[in-house]
Amino acid sequence: MIRFLFLIPLVLCMLWTIYLQANGYRIRDGKQGYLYIIIISTVIAAFYTLMLWLTN
């Protein structure tokens, strides 16, 4: 499961892009959302890394 962590931000960014395009927004208008996605994905990856390190 750890090896698929890179999919979280990719899928979320893809969904965010689809949402923006469906509602007539430009990609530039949604850059704050991309920033949130990156931050949240980093926190999730750090949490899983810490748990993996603590349990081994």
N, C-alpha and C. Protein backbone atom coordinates (compact mmCIF):
# COMPACT_ATOMS: atom_id res chain seq x y z
N MET A 1 0.82 -1.19 0.00
CA MET A 1 0.00 0.00 0.00
C MET A 1 0.86 1.26 0.00
N ILE A 2 1.98 1.20 0.67
CA ILE A 2 2.87 2.36 0.75
C ILE A 2 3.35 2.76 -0.64
N ARG A 3 3.57 1.80 -1.50
CA ARG A 3 4.10 2.13 -2.83
C ARG A 3 3.08 2.87 -3.69
N PHE A 4 1.82 2.90 -3.28
CA PHE A 4 0.78 3.59 -4.05
C PHE A 4 0.44 4.96 -3.48
N LEU A 5 1.21 5.45 -2.52
CA LEU A 5 0.93 6.75 -1.92
C LEU A 5 1.03 7.90 -2.92
N PHE A 6 1.83 7.73 -3.95
CA PHE A 6 1.96 8.80 -4.93
C PHE A 6 0.67 8.99 -5.73
N LEU A 7 -0.22 8.00 -5.69
CA LEU A 7 -1.48 8.11 -6.43
C LEU A 7 -2.46 9.08 -5.76
N ILE A 8 -2.34 9.27 -4.46
CA ILE A 8 -3.27 10.16 -3.76
C ILE A 8 -3.25 11.57 -4.35
N PRO A 9 -2.11 12.24 -4.42
CA PRO A 9 -2.14 13.59 -4.99
C PRO A 9 -2.47 13.60 -6.48
N LEU A 10 -2.05 12.58 -7.21
CA LEU A 10 -2.35 12.54 -8.64
C LEU A 10 -3.85 12.46 -8.90
N VAL A 11 -4.51 11.57 -8.19
CA VAL A 11 -5.95 11.40 -8.36
C VAL A 11 -6.70 12.65 -7.89
N LEU A 12 -6.31 13.19 -6.75
CA LEU A 12 -6.97 14.38 -6.24
C LEU A 12 -6.78 15.58 -7.17
N CYS A 13 -5.59 15.74 -7.72
CA CYS A 13 -5.35 16.84 -8.67
C CYS A 13 -6.16 16.64 -9.95
N MET A 14 -6.26 15.41 -10.41
CA MET A 14 -7.05 15.13 -11.60
C MET A 14 -8.52 15.45 -11.36
N LEU A 15 -9.03 15.04 -10.20
CA LEU A 15 -10.43 15.33 -9.87
C LEU A 15 -10.66 16.83 -9.72
N TRP A 16 -9.71 17.54 -9.13
CA TRP A 16 -9.81 18.99 -8.97
C TRP A 16 -9.82 19.68 -10.33
N THR A 17 -8.97 19.21 -11.24
CA THR A 17 -8.93 19.77 -12.59
C THR A 17 -10.25 19.54 -13.32
N ILE A 18 -10.80 18.35 -13.20
CA ILE A 18 -12.09 18.05 -13.83
C ILE A 18 -13.18 18.94 -13.25
N TYR A 19 -13.17 19.13 -11.94
CA TYR A 19 -14.15 20.00 -11.31
C TYR A 19 -14.05 21.43 -11.82
N LEU A 20 -12.82 21.94 -11.90
CA LEU A 20 -12.61 23.30 -12.36
C LEU A 20 -13.10 23.48 -13.81
N GLN A 21 -12.77 22.54 -14.66
CA GLN A 21 -13.17 22.63 -16.05
C GLN A 21 -14.68 22.49 -16.22
N ALA A 22 -15.31 21.64 -15.41
CA ALA A 22 -16.76 21.43 -15.51
C ALA A 22 -17.53 22.66 -15.08
N ASN A 23 -16.96 23.46 -14.20
CA ASN A 23 -17.65 24.64 -13.70
C ASN A 23 -17.16 25.94 -14.35
N GLY A 24 -16.35 25.82 -15.37
CA GLY A 24 -15.94 26.99 -16.14
C GLY A 24 -14.83 27.83 -15.52
N TYR A 25 -14.10 27.28 -14.60
CA TYR A 25 -12.98 28.00 -13.99
C TYR A 25 -11.70 27.71 -14.75
N ARG A 26 -10.75 28.61 -14.65
CA ARG A 26 -9.43 28.37 -15.22
C ARG A 26 -8.59 27.61 -14.20
N ILE A 27 -7.54 26.98 -14.69
CA ILE A 27 -6.62 26.26 -13.81
C ILE A 27 -5.99 27.25 -12.82
N ARG A 28 -5.70 28.44 -13.30
CA ARG A 28 -5.08 29.47 -12.45
C ARG A 28 -6.00 29.83 -11.28
N ASP A 29 -7.31 29.78 -11.51
CA ASP A 29 -8.26 30.10 -10.44
C ASP A 29 -8.25 29.06 -9.32
N GLY A 30 -7.83 27.84 -9.63
CA GLY A 30 -7.85 26.77 -8.65
C GLY A 30 -6.52 26.44 -8.03
N LYS A 31 -5.54 27.34 -8.15
CA LYS A 31 -4.21 26.99 -7.65
C LYS A 31 -4.18 26.85 -6.13
N GLN A 32 -5.06 27.52 -5.41
CA GLN A 32 -5.13 27.35 -3.96
C GLN A 32 -5.57 25.92 -3.61
N GLY A 33 -6.46 25.38 -4.40
CA GLY A 33 -6.90 23.99 -4.19
C GLY A 33 -5.77 23.00 -4.41
N TYR A 34 -4.95 23.26 -5.44
CA TYR A 34 -3.79 22.40 -5.68
C TYR A 34 -2.82 22.46 -4.51
N LEU A 35 -2.64 23.63 -3.96
CA LEU A 35 -1.76 23.78 -2.80
C LEU A 35 -2.29 22.97 -1.61
N TYR A 36 -3.59 23.05 -1.36
CA TYR A 36 -4.18 22.26 -0.28
C TYR A 36 -4.01 20.77 -0.52
N ILE A 37 -4.18 20.33 -1.75
CA ILE A 37 -4.02 18.91 -2.09
C ILE A 37 -2.59 18.46 -1.80
N ILE A 38 -1.62 19.26 -2.19
CA ILE A 38 -0.21 18.91 -1.96
C ILE A 38 0.08 18.84 -0.46
N ILE A 39 -0.41 19.81 0.30
CA ILE A 39 -0.16 19.83 1.75
C ILE A 39 -0.80 18.63 2.43
N ILE A 40 -2.06 18.36 2.12
CA ILE A 40 -2.76 17.24 2.75
C ILE A 40 -2.11 15.91 2.36
N SER A 41 -1.72 15.77 1.11
CA SER A 41 -1.05 14.54 0.67
C SER A 41 0.30 14.35 1.36
N THR A 42 1.01 15.44 1.57
CA THR A 42 2.29 15.36 2.27
C THR A 42 2.09 14.92 3.72
N VAL A 43 1.06 15.45 4.36
CA VAL A 43 0.77 15.05 5.75
C VAL A 43 0.40 13.57 5.81
N ILE A 44 -0.41 13.11 4.88
CA ILE A 44 -0.79 11.69 4.85
C ILE A 44 0.43 10.81 4.63
N ALA A 45 1.29 11.18 3.69
CA ALA A 45 2.50 10.40 3.42
C ALA A 45 3.43 10.39 4.63
N ALA A 46 3.56 11.54 5.29
CA ALA A 46 4.42 11.61 6.48
C ALA A 46 3.86 10.73 7.60
N PHE A 47 2.55 10.74 7.76
CA PHE A 47 1.92 9.90 8.79
C PHE A 47 2.18 8.42 8.53
N TYR A 48 1.95 7.99 7.29
CA TYR A 48 2.18 6.59 6.95
C TYR A 48 3.65 6.21 7.09
N THR A 49 4.54 7.11 6.72
CA THR A 49 5.97 6.85 6.87
C THR A 49 6.34 6.71 8.34
N LEU A 50 5.82 7.59 9.17
CA LEU A 50 6.08 7.52 10.61
C LEU A 50 5.54 6.22 11.20
N MET A 51 4.33 5.83 10.82
CA MET A 51 3.76 4.59 11.34
C MET A 51 4.56 3.38 10.89
N LEU A 52 5.02 3.40 9.65
CA LEU A 52 5.84 2.30 9.16
C LEU A 52 7.15 2.22 9.93
N TRP A 53 7.75 3.37 10.18
CA TRP A 53 9.02 3.41 10.91
C TRP A 53 8.83 2.97 12.37
N LEU A 54 7.72 3.37 13.00
CA LEU A 54 7.48 3.03 14.40
C LEU A 54 7.15 1.56 14.59
N THR A 55 6.52 0.93 13.61
CA THR A 55 6.08 -0.46 13.79
C THR A 55 7.11 -1.48 13.34
N ASN A 56 8.18 -1.02 12.70
CA ASN A 56 9.22 -1.98 12.28
C ASN A 56 10.33 -2.06 13.25
